Amino acid sequence: MGETAFMTIHAGYALNIGVSEEELKEVISMVTVPAGFPRAIAASQALSELFTERRAAPGKQP
């Protein structure tokens, strides 16, 4: 379902330049209807994994 790998890469870039986790979550909620619920769920899961990885990495706090 979709390309979550590309989304994860770009979400990581966005976090690096100061976009907040809440803003990224809002983007997912805004594209839910046009993209479809299965893709939105996959994107939400990918974001959750990205946030968890970044919180666990030393010196990489979002």
Protein backbone atom coordinates (compact mmCIF):
# COMPACT_ATOMS: atom_id res chain seq x y z
CA MET A 1 0.00 0.00 0.00
CA GLY A 2 1.72 3.16 -1.12
CA GLU A 3 5.33 4.10 -0.68
CA THR A 4 5.87 4.65 3.01
CA ALA A 5 9.65 4.49 2.58
CA PHE A 6 9.66 7.74 0.61
CA MET A 7 7.24 9.33 3.05
CA THR A 8 9.45 8.31 5.97
CA ILE A 9 12.54 9.83 4.34
CA HIS A 10 10.80 13.12 3.63
CA ALA A 11 9.17 13.22 7.07
CA GLY A 12 12.66 12.81 8.57
CA TYR A 13 13.89 15.74 6.47
CA ALA A 14 10.92 17.80 7.63
CA LEU A 15 11.72 17.03 11.28
CA ASN A 16 15.34 18.05 10.66
CA ILE A 17 14.29 21.51 9.50
CA GLY A 18 11.90 22.14 12.36
CA VAL A 19 8.51 20.74 11.38
CA SER A 20 6.86 19.34 14.51
CA GLU A 21 5.50 15.85 14.99
CA GLU A 22 2.03 17.35 15.42
CA GLU A 23 2.29 19.12 12.05
CA LEU A 24 3.24 15.87 10.33
CA LYS A 25 0.31 14.09 11.98
CA GLU A 26 -1.97 16.87 10.72
CA VAL A 27 -0.73 16.36 7.16
CA ILE A 28 -1.66 12.68 7.37
CA SER A 29 -5.12 13.50 8.67
CA MET A 30 -5.64 16.04 5.86
CA VAL A 31 -4.80 13.54 3.10
CA THR A 32 -6.79 10.66 4.57
CA VAL A 33 -9.84 11.09 2.33
CA PRO A 34 -8.03 11.74 -0.97
CA ALA A 35 -5.40 9.04 -0.37
CA GLY A 36 -7.73 6.51 1.23
CA PHE A 37 -7.88 5.08 4.71
CA PRO A 38 -5.51 2.12 4.11
CA ARG A 39 -2.77 4.46 2.89
CA ALA A 40 -3.39 6.90 5.73
CA ILE A 41 -3.11 4.07 8.25
CA ALA A 42 0.14 2.87 6.65
CA ALA A 43 1.50 6.43 6.71
CA SER A 44 0.50 6.85 10.37
CA GLN A 45 2.27 3.62 11.27
CA ALA A 46 5.39 4.69 9.37
CA LEU A 47 5.39 8.06 11.16
CA SER A 48 4.98 6.35 14.51
CA GLU A 49 8.00 4.14 13.78
CA LEU A 50 10.02 7.18 12.67
CA PHE A 51 9.15 9.11 15.83
CA THR A 52 10.10 6.10 17.99
CA GLU A 53 13.44 5.67 16.20
CA ARG A 54 14.30 9.35 16.51
CA ARG A 55 13.42 9.45 20.20
CA ALA A 56 15.60 6.39 20.86
CA ALA A 57 18.62 7.77 18.96
CA PRO A 58 20.98 9.80 21.18
CA GLY A 59 21.23 13.44 20.11
CA LYS A 60 18.44 13.10 17.53
CA GLN A 61 15.50 14.51 19.42
CA PRO A 62 12.78 15.97 17.15
